[in-house]
N, C-alpha and C. Protein backbone atom coordinates (compact mmCIF):
# COMPACT_ATOMS: atom_id res chain seq x y z
N MET A 1 238.44 195.36 75.76
CA MET A 1 237.55 194.66 76.46
C MET A 1 238.23 193.70 77.19
N GLN A 2 237.89 193.73 78.67
CA GLN A 2 238.32 192.92 79.49
C GLN A 2 237.53 191.65 79.57
N LEU A 3 237.77 190.80 79.14
CA LEU A 3 237.25 189.30 79.04
C LEU A 3 237.52 188.27 80.12
N LEU A 4 238.70 188.24 80.10
CA LEU A 4 239.41 186.90 80.68
C LEU A 4 238.82 187.02 82.47
N PRO A 5 238.88 188.13 82.89
CA PRO A 5 238.28 188.44 84.45
C PRO A 5 236.76 188.10 84.38
N LEU A 6 236.04 188.04 83.64
CA LEU A 6 234.80 187.28 83.43
C LEU A 6 234.48 185.83 83.61
N LEU A 7 235.76 185.23 83.16
CA LEU A 7 235.61 183.74 83.30
C LEU A 7 235.28 183.44 84.61
N GLY A 8 234.25 182.51 84.93
CA GLY A 8 233.87 182.02 86.38
C GLY A 8 232.84 182.78 86.99
N LYS A 9 232.81 183.91 86.48
CA LYS A 9 231.75 184.94 87.32
C LYS A 9 230.25 184.48 87.02
N ARG A 10 229.70 184.51 87.52
CA ARG A 10 228.22 184.38 87.74
C ARG A 10 227.28 185.23 86.70
N LEU A 11 226.35 184.74 86.18
CA LEU A 11 225.44 185.39 85.17
C LEU A 11 225.02 186.84 85.66
N LYS A 12 224.58 186.68 87.28
CA LYS A 12 223.91 187.92 87.61
C LYS A 12 225.28 188.90 88.40
N ASP A 13 226.36 188.55 88.13
CA ASP A 13 227.42 189.35 88.94
C ASP A 13 227.25 190.65 87.96
N ASP A 14 227.50 191.68 88.72
CA ASP A 14 227.37 193.10 88.16
C ASP A 14 228.47 193.34 86.78
N ASP A 15 229.71 192.75 87.14
CA ASP A 15 230.66 193.02 85.90
C ASP A 15 230.06 192.21 84.52
N VAL A 16 229.28 191.02 84.80
CA VAL A 16 228.84 190.29 83.61
C VAL A 16 227.64 190.94 82.98
N ILE A 17 226.62 191.62 83.92
CA ILE A 17 225.44 192.09 83.72
C ILE A 17 225.86 193.53 82.68
N GLU A 18 226.95 193.98 83.19
CA GLU A 18 227.24 195.16 82.64
C GLU A 18 227.54 194.86 81.10
N VAL A 19 228.04 193.93 80.90
CA VAL A 19 228.75 193.53 79.48
C VAL A 19 227.78 192.92 78.66
N LEU A 20 226.60 192.38 79.53
CA LEU A 20 225.21 191.74 78.67
C LEU A 20 224.70 193.41 78.46
N GLU A 21 224.18 194.15 79.08
CA GLU A 21 223.39 195.14 78.91
C GLU A 21 224.35 196.19 77.86
N GLY A 22 225.67 196.37 78.21
CA GLY A 22 226.09 197.30 77.00
C GLY A 22 225.99 196.58 75.63
N MET A 23 225.96 195.25 75.47
CA MET A 23 226.15 194.75 74.05
C MET A 23 224.61 194.47 73.66
N GLU A 24 223.57 194.81 74.75
CA GLU A 24 221.99 194.25 74.39
C GLU A 24 222.14 192.91 74.01
N MET A 25 222.71 191.97 74.63
CA MET A 25 222.68 190.31 74.88
C MET A 25 221.58 189.90 75.34
N ASP A 26 220.78 189.05 74.77
CA ASP A 26 219.61 188.33 75.69
C ASP A 26 220.17 187.15 75.94
N VAL A 27 219.99 186.61 77.22
CA VAL A 27 220.11 185.21 77.67
C VAL A 27 219.11 184.34 77.26
N LEU A 28 219.61 183.04 76.73
CA LEU A 28 218.92 181.92 76.46
C LEU A 28 219.02 181.12 77.13
N TYR A 29 218.19 180.22 77.80
CA TYR A 29 218.09 178.94 78.47
C TYR A 29 217.97 177.66 77.84
N ASP A 30 219.34 176.96 77.86
CA ASP A 30 219.26 175.67 76.90
C ASP A 30 218.80 174.56 77.80
N PHE A 31 218.01 173.85 77.99
CA PHE A 31 217.73 172.65 78.86
C PHE A 31 217.64 171.31 78.19
N ASP A 32 217.77 170.42 78.78
CA ASP A 32 217.95 169.17 78.58
C ASP A 32 216.38 168.64 78.08
N ARG A 33 216.35 168.90 76.70
CA ARG A 33 214.63 168.56 76.43
C ARG A 33 214.67 167.03 75.97
N LEU A 34 215.69 166.22 75.59
CA LEU A 34 215.35 164.94 75.29
C LEU A 34 215.96 164.14 76.46
N HIS A 35 215.91 164.27 77.58
CA HIS A 35 216.24 163.97 78.94
C HIS A 35 217.34 163.03 78.65
N GLU A 36 218.39 163.45 78.38
CA GLU A 36 219.86 162.58 78.26
C GLU A 36 220.78 162.71 79.34
N GLY A 37 220.28 163.52 80.24
CA GLY A 37 221.08 163.82 81.35
C GLY A 37 222.20 164.95 81.14
N GLU A 38 221.96 165.52 80.03
CA GLU A 38 222.68 166.75 79.82
C GLU A 38 222.44 168.12 80.96
N PRO A 39 223.61 168.77 81.52
CA PRO A 39 223.36 169.79 82.16
C PRO A 39 222.70 170.99 81.53
N ASP A 40 221.92 171.72 82.03
CA ASP A 40 221.51 172.97 81.55
C ASP A 40 222.56 173.95 81.36
N LYS A 41 222.37 174.81 80.13
CA LYS A 41 223.19 175.95 79.65
C LYS A 41 222.49 177.43 79.50
N TYR A 42 223.02 178.20 79.43
CA TYR A 42 222.71 179.69 79.33
C TYR A 42 223.63 180.25 78.24
N TRP A 43 223.13 181.06 77.37
CA TRP A 43 223.97 181.30 76.28
C TRP A 43 223.24 183.07 76.05
N ALA A 44 224.45 183.62 75.74
CA ALA A 44 224.28 185.00 75.56
C ALA A 44 225.07 185.49 74.35
N ALA A 45 224.65 185.90 73.38
CA ALA A 45 225.42 186.38 72.09
C ALA A 45 224.96 187.82 71.74
N SER A 46 225.94 188.38 70.92
CA SER A 46 225.82 189.86 70.22
C SER A 46 226.38 189.36 69.01
N LYS A 47 225.66 189.19 68.21
CA LYS A 47 226.02 188.90 66.44
C LYS A 47 226.62 189.95 65.86
N GLU A 48 226.22 191.20 66.36
CA GLU A 48 227.08 192.34 65.99
C GLU A 48 228.12 192.47 66.32
N SER A 49 228.68 192.05 67.53
CA SER A 49 229.85 192.12 68.05
C SER A 49 230.83 190.94 67.98
N GLY A 50 230.31 189.82 67.24
CA GLY A 50 231.12 188.67 66.89
C GLY A 50 231.48 187.90 68.48
N ILE A 51 230.53 188.25 69.33
CA ILE A 51 231.16 187.42 70.59
C ILE A 51 229.72 186.55 71.30
N GLN A 52 230.15 185.24 71.99
CA GLN A 52 229.05 184.66 72.47
C GLN A 52 229.48 184.21 73.71
N PHE A 53 228.83 184.31 74.96
CA PHE A 53 229.05 183.53 76.21
C PHE A 53 228.40 182.37 76.42
N GLY A 54 229.07 181.43 77.06
CA GLY A 54 228.23 180.11 77.34
C GLY A 54 228.34 180.13 78.81
N PHE A 55 227.59 179.91 79.76
CA PHE A 55 227.19 179.56 80.97
C PHE A 55 226.96 178.17 81.58
N ASP A 56 227.39 177.81 82.61
CA ASP A 56 227.07 176.30 83.03
C ASP A 56 225.70 176.22 83.74
N ALA A 57 225.43 174.99 84.21
CA ALA A 57 223.95 175.07 84.92
C ALA A 57 224.06 175.79 86.24
N ALA A 58 225.35 176.06 86.65
CA ALA A 58 225.12 176.90 87.91
C ALA A 58 225.54 178.56 87.73
N GLN A 59 225.32 178.64 86.33
CA GLN A 59 225.21 180.28 85.78
C GLN A 59 226.60 180.88 85.91
N ALA A 60 227.69 180.04 86.17
CA ALA A 60 229.14 180.65 85.77
C ALA A 60 229.56 180.69 84.36
N LEU A 61 229.82 181.85 83.84
CA LEU A 61 230.66 181.74 82.59
C LEU A 61 231.90 181.02 82.37
N ASP A 62 231.57 179.81 81.63
CA ASP A 62 232.63 178.62 81.19
C ASP A 62 233.23 178.75 79.91
N VAL A 63 232.93 179.55 79.03
CA VAL A 63 233.23 179.72 77.81
C VAL A 63 232.88 180.68 76.80
N ILE A 64 233.73 181.26 76.28
CA ILE A 64 233.65 182.76 75.24
C ILE A 64 234.24 182.32 73.82
N PHE A 65 233.09 182.44 72.99
CA PHE A 65 233.47 182.38 71.47
C PHE A 65 233.64 183.58 70.79
N LEU A 66 234.88 184.07 70.26
CA LEU A 66 234.97 185.31 69.43
C LEU A 66 235.17 184.81 67.86
N ARG A 67 234.26 185.42 67.35
CA ARG A 67 234.26 185.11 65.71
C ARG A 67 235.35 186.26 65.14
N THR A 68 236.57 186.20 64.49
CA THR A 68 237.36 186.99 64.04
C THR A 68 237.27 187.17 62.63
N VAL A 69 236.24 186.55 62.08
CA VAL A 69 235.75 187.04 60.74
C VAL A 69 234.37 186.72 60.52
N PRO A 70 233.66 187.35 59.84
CA PRO A 70 232.04 186.99 59.96
C PRO A 70 231.82 185.76 59.42
N ALA A 71 231.03 185.21 60.03
CA ALA A 71 230.39 183.69 59.72
C ALA A 71 229.14 183.67 60.47
N ASP A 72 228.40 182.55 60.08
CA ASP A 72 227.06 182.07 60.82
C ASP A 72 226.20 183.11 61.35
N GLY A 73 226.18 184.24 60.55
CA GLY A 73 225.27 185.44 61.08
C GLY A 73 226.35 186.29 61.96
N PHE A 74 227.20 186.26 62.72
CA PHE A 74 228.03 186.98 63.40
C PHE A 74 228.80 187.52 62.55
N ALA A 75 229.18 188.91 63.07
CA ALA A 75 230.03 190.21 62.63
C ALA A 75 231.48 189.46 63.07
N ALA A 76 232.49 190.11 62.46
CA ALA A 76 233.95 190.07 63.28
C ALA A 76 233.96 190.81 64.43
N PHE A 77 234.70 190.06 65.43
CA PHE A 77 234.76 190.46 66.65
C PHE A 77 235.92 191.76 66.46
N SER A 78 235.89 192.80 67.44
CA SER A 78 236.71 193.77 67.05
C SER A 78 238.04 193.57 68.07
N ARG A 79 239.10 193.67 67.50
CA ARG A 79 240.33 193.31 68.02
C ARG A 79 240.96 194.07 68.94
N ASP A 80 240.15 195.53 68.55
CA ASP A 80 240.61 196.71 69.74
C ASP A 80 240.56 196.53 71.07
N ASP A 81 241.56 196.92 71.76
CA ASP A 81 241.31 196.94 73.29
C ASP A 81 240.91 195.73 73.90
N CYS A 82 241.27 194.50 73.63
CA CYS A 82 241.00 193.24 73.84
C CYS A 82 242.06 192.46 74.94
N ASP A 83 241.79 192.09 75.92
CA ASP A 83 242.88 191.30 76.67
C ASP A 83 243.20 189.86 76.23
N VAL A 84 242.54 189.61 75.33
CA VAL A 84 242.59 187.93 74.71
C VAL A 84 243.86 188.30 73.54
N PRO A 85 244.97 187.70 73.77
CA PRO A 85 245.86 187.79 72.63
C PRO A 85 245.46 187.03 71.36
N LEU A 86 245.50 187.75 70.51
CA LEU A 86 244.88 187.46 68.78
C LEU A 86 246.07 187.14 68.16
N PHE A 87 246.44 186.08 67.04
CA PHE A 87 247.52 186.13 66.28
C PHE A 87 247.09 185.75 65.00
N SER A 88 247.97 186.00 64.15
CA SER A 88 247.82 186.04 62.51
C SER A 88 248.14 184.37 62.22
N THR A 89 248.91 183.81 62.80
CA THR A 89 249.47 182.70 62.53
C THR A 89 249.66 181.67 63.58
N ILE A 90 249.57 180.38 63.38
CA ILE A 90 249.80 179.40 64.39
C ILE A 90 251.20 179.75 64.85
N ALA A 91 252.18 179.79 64.19
CA ALA A 91 253.47 179.83 64.59
C ALA A 91 253.71 181.19 65.65
N GLN A 92 252.92 182.33 65.43
CA GLN A 92 253.09 183.18 66.26
C GLN A 92 252.66 183.07 67.72
N ALA A 93 251.19 182.02 67.49
CA ALA A 93 250.64 181.47 68.69
C ALA A 93 251.44 180.82 69.64
N ARG A 94 252.25 179.91 68.84
CA ARG A 94 253.06 178.82 69.47
C ARG A 94 254.18 179.33 70.14
N ALA A 95 254.77 180.37 69.23
CA ALA A 95 255.99 181.27 70.03
C ALA A 95 255.40 182.08 71.04
N PHE A 96 254.46 182.37 71.33
CA PHE A 96 253.94 183.13 72.35
C PHE A 96 253.48 182.15 73.45
N GLY A 97 253.14 180.79 73.48
CA GLY A 97 252.82 180.09 74.46
C GLY A 97 254.27 179.51 75.06
N GLU A 98 255.33 179.23 74.14
CA GLU A 98 256.33 178.63 74.40
C GLU A 98 257.09 179.68 75.37
N ALA A 99 257.04 180.90 74.71
CA ALA A 99 258.09 181.78 75.39
C ALA A 99 257.49 182.12 76.95
N ARG A 100 256.41 181.85 77.26
CA ARG A 100 255.77 181.92 78.55
C ARG A 100 255.57 180.38 79.44
N GLY A 101 256.34 179.58 78.70
CA GLY A 101 256.38 178.35 79.15
C GLY A 101 255.02 177.64 79.51
N ARG A 102 254.08 178.07 78.53
CA ARG A 102 252.74 177.20 78.73
C ARG A 102 252.43 175.97 77.88
N GLN A 103 251.51 175.12 78.40
CA GLN A 103 251.43 173.88 77.34
C GLN A 103 250.81 174.35 76.00
N VAL A 104 251.15 173.76 75.05
CA VAL A 104 250.80 174.13 73.75
C VAL A 104 250.54 172.79 73.12
N SER A 105 249.46 172.84 72.49
CA SER A 105 249.15 171.54 71.40
C SER A 105 248.51 172.12 70.17
N ASN A 106 248.84 171.40 68.87
CA ASN A 106 247.86 171.91 67.71
C ASN A 106 247.66 170.81 67.06
N GLY A 107 246.96 170.90 65.95
CA GLY A 107 246.55 169.63 64.91
C GLY A 107 245.67 170.13 63.96
N SER A 108 245.11 169.54 62.92
CA SER A 108 244.26 170.03 61.96
C SER A 108 243.34 168.80 61.56
N GLY A 109 242.28 169.17 60.85
CA GLY A 109 241.27 168.17 60.55
C GLY A 109 240.24 168.78 59.80
N ASP A 110 239.43 168.04 59.04
CA ASP A 110 238.09 168.33 58.25
C ASP A 110 237.11 168.30 59.00
N PHE A 111 236.06 169.35 59.21
CA PHE A 111 235.09 169.15 60.01
C PHE A 111 233.98 170.04 59.25
N LEU A 112 232.68 169.28 59.01
CA LEU A 112 231.74 169.79 58.02
C LEU A 112 232.20 170.37 56.62
N GLY A 113 233.23 169.72 56.15
CA GLY A 113 233.84 170.05 54.91
C GLY A 113 234.69 171.16 54.84
N ILE A 114 235.05 171.60 55.91
CA ILE A 114 235.98 172.77 56.07
C ILE A 114 237.29 172.34 56.56
N THR A 115 238.44 172.58 56.36
CA THR A 115 239.64 172.06 56.86
C THR A 115 240.06 173.43 58.01
N ARG A 116 240.39 172.72 59.03
CA ARG A 116 240.51 173.44 60.46
C ARG A 116 241.97 173.13 61.04
N ASP A 117 242.78 174.12 60.95
CA ASP A 117 244.05 174.23 61.62
C ASP A 117 243.69 174.67 63.10
N TRP A 118 244.35 174.43 64.13
CA TRP A 118 244.03 174.66 65.41
C TRP A 118 245.42 174.76 66.56
N ILE A 119 245.27 175.46 67.20
CA ILE A 119 246.26 175.57 68.26
C ILE A 119 245.60 175.71 69.36
N LYS A 120 246.21 175.26 70.76
CA LYS A 120 245.63 175.36 71.93
C LYS A 120 246.74 176.10 72.99
N ILE A 121 246.41 176.96 73.73
CA ILE A 121 247.60 177.21 74.94
C ILE A 121 246.79 177.12 76.11
N GLY A 122 247.33 176.54 76.88
CA GLY A 122 246.83 176.47 78.31
C GLY A 122 247.33 177.36 79.28
N PHE A 123 246.53 177.76 80.18
CA PHE A 123 247.10 178.59 81.29
C PHE A 123 246.47 178.40 82.52
N ALA A 124 246.68 178.74 83.51
CA ALA A 124 246.64 178.13 85.13
C ALA A 124 245.04 178.03 85.14
N LYS A 125 244.38 179.10 84.70
CA LYS A 125 242.56 178.89 84.97
C LYS A 125 242.05 178.76 83.95
N TYR A 126 242.68 178.81 82.59
CA TYR A 126 241.66 179.10 81.30
C TYR A 126 242.57 178.30 80.22
N SER A 127 242.06 178.15 79.16
CA SER A 127 242.86 177.75 77.82
C SER A 127 242.27 178.56 76.94
N ILE A 128 243.15 178.73 75.71
CA ILE A 128 242.47 179.63 74.39
C ILE A 128 242.63 178.68 73.34
N HIS A 129 241.87 178.28 72.75
CA HIS A 129 242.04 177.71 71.36
C HIS A 129 241.65 178.62 69.98
N TYR A 130 242.65 178.56 69.28
CA TYR A 130 242.86 179.26 68.09
C TYR A 130 242.45 178.46 66.58
N GLU A 131 241.34 178.68 66.15
CA GLU A 131 240.94 178.12 64.69
C GLU A 131 241.28 178.84 63.65
N PHE A 132 242.01 178.09 62.62
CA PHE A 132 242.25 178.81 61.39
C PHE A 132 241.65 178.19 60.38
N ARG A 133 241.12 178.95 59.39
CA ARG A 133 240.72 178.22 58.04
C ARG A 133 241.09 178.99 57.09
N ALA A 134 241.56 178.13 56.11
CA ALA A 134 242.61 178.66 55.10
C ALA A 134 243.49 179.70 55.60
N GLY A 135 244.23 179.33 56.50
CA GLY A 135 245.15 180.05 57.13
C GLY A 135 244.91 181.32 57.74
N VAL A 136 243.65 181.89 57.85
CA VAL A 136 243.03 182.83 58.70
C VAL A 136 242.52 182.43 59.79
N LEU A 137 242.77 183.34 60.86
CA LEU A 137 241.99 183.31 62.27
C LEU A 137 240.83 183.48 62.09
N ALA A 138 239.66 182.40 62.34
CA ALA A 138 238.27 182.41 62.20
C ALA A 138 237.78 182.55 63.60
N LEU A 139 238.24 181.74 64.60
CA LEU A 139 237.34 181.60 65.81
C LEU A 139 238.49 181.40 66.85
N VAL A 140 237.75 182.11 68.27
CA VAL A 140 238.86 181.86 69.35
C VAL A 140 237.95 181.40 70.16
N THR A 141 238.37 180.32 70.97
CA THR A 141 237.69 179.80 72.09
C THR A 141 238.24 180.08 73.40
N ILE A 142 237.84 180.64 74.62
CA ILE A 142 238.09 180.58 75.64
C ILE A 142 237.53 179.81 76.78
N SER A 143 238.06 179.09 77.55
CA SER A 143 237.34 177.97 78.17
C SER A 143 237.85 178.13 79.52
N LYS A 144 237.09 178.31 80.55
CA LYS A 144 237.40 178.19 81.70
C LYS A 144 238.27 176.37 82.22
N GLU A 145 238.98 176.49 82.96
CA GLU A 145 239.49 175.14 83.29
C GLU A 145 239.06 174.99 84.48
């Protein structure tokens, strides 16, 4: 699945619609109910495929979440035929980023009682954040820069 070219495309772009329809993803409108000045968002998810899209107020795709292990009602994302590089360890991700001269940062911490180790690789138009739990890649977040 070619995900990276979708970043920045509009919700009603033919390429985006093709993926939404192919995965039977409904789009949910998330507006600022509390009047806090937060911009509106649009979300589309396929729990069966382990993927979620986030669109900004202008309806441009700005974030993609890939669950690589089953969690929160999501199945694991299939690693087959995907243009997003996936790694088994932080060391592999670091080596990949550094070999390509990319900005790499990492850290760890506890959030909601779960220890999470992470590494982020910056590219020209996007970044990829890899979250490991108990040494296993659990979540990949691709964000438009």
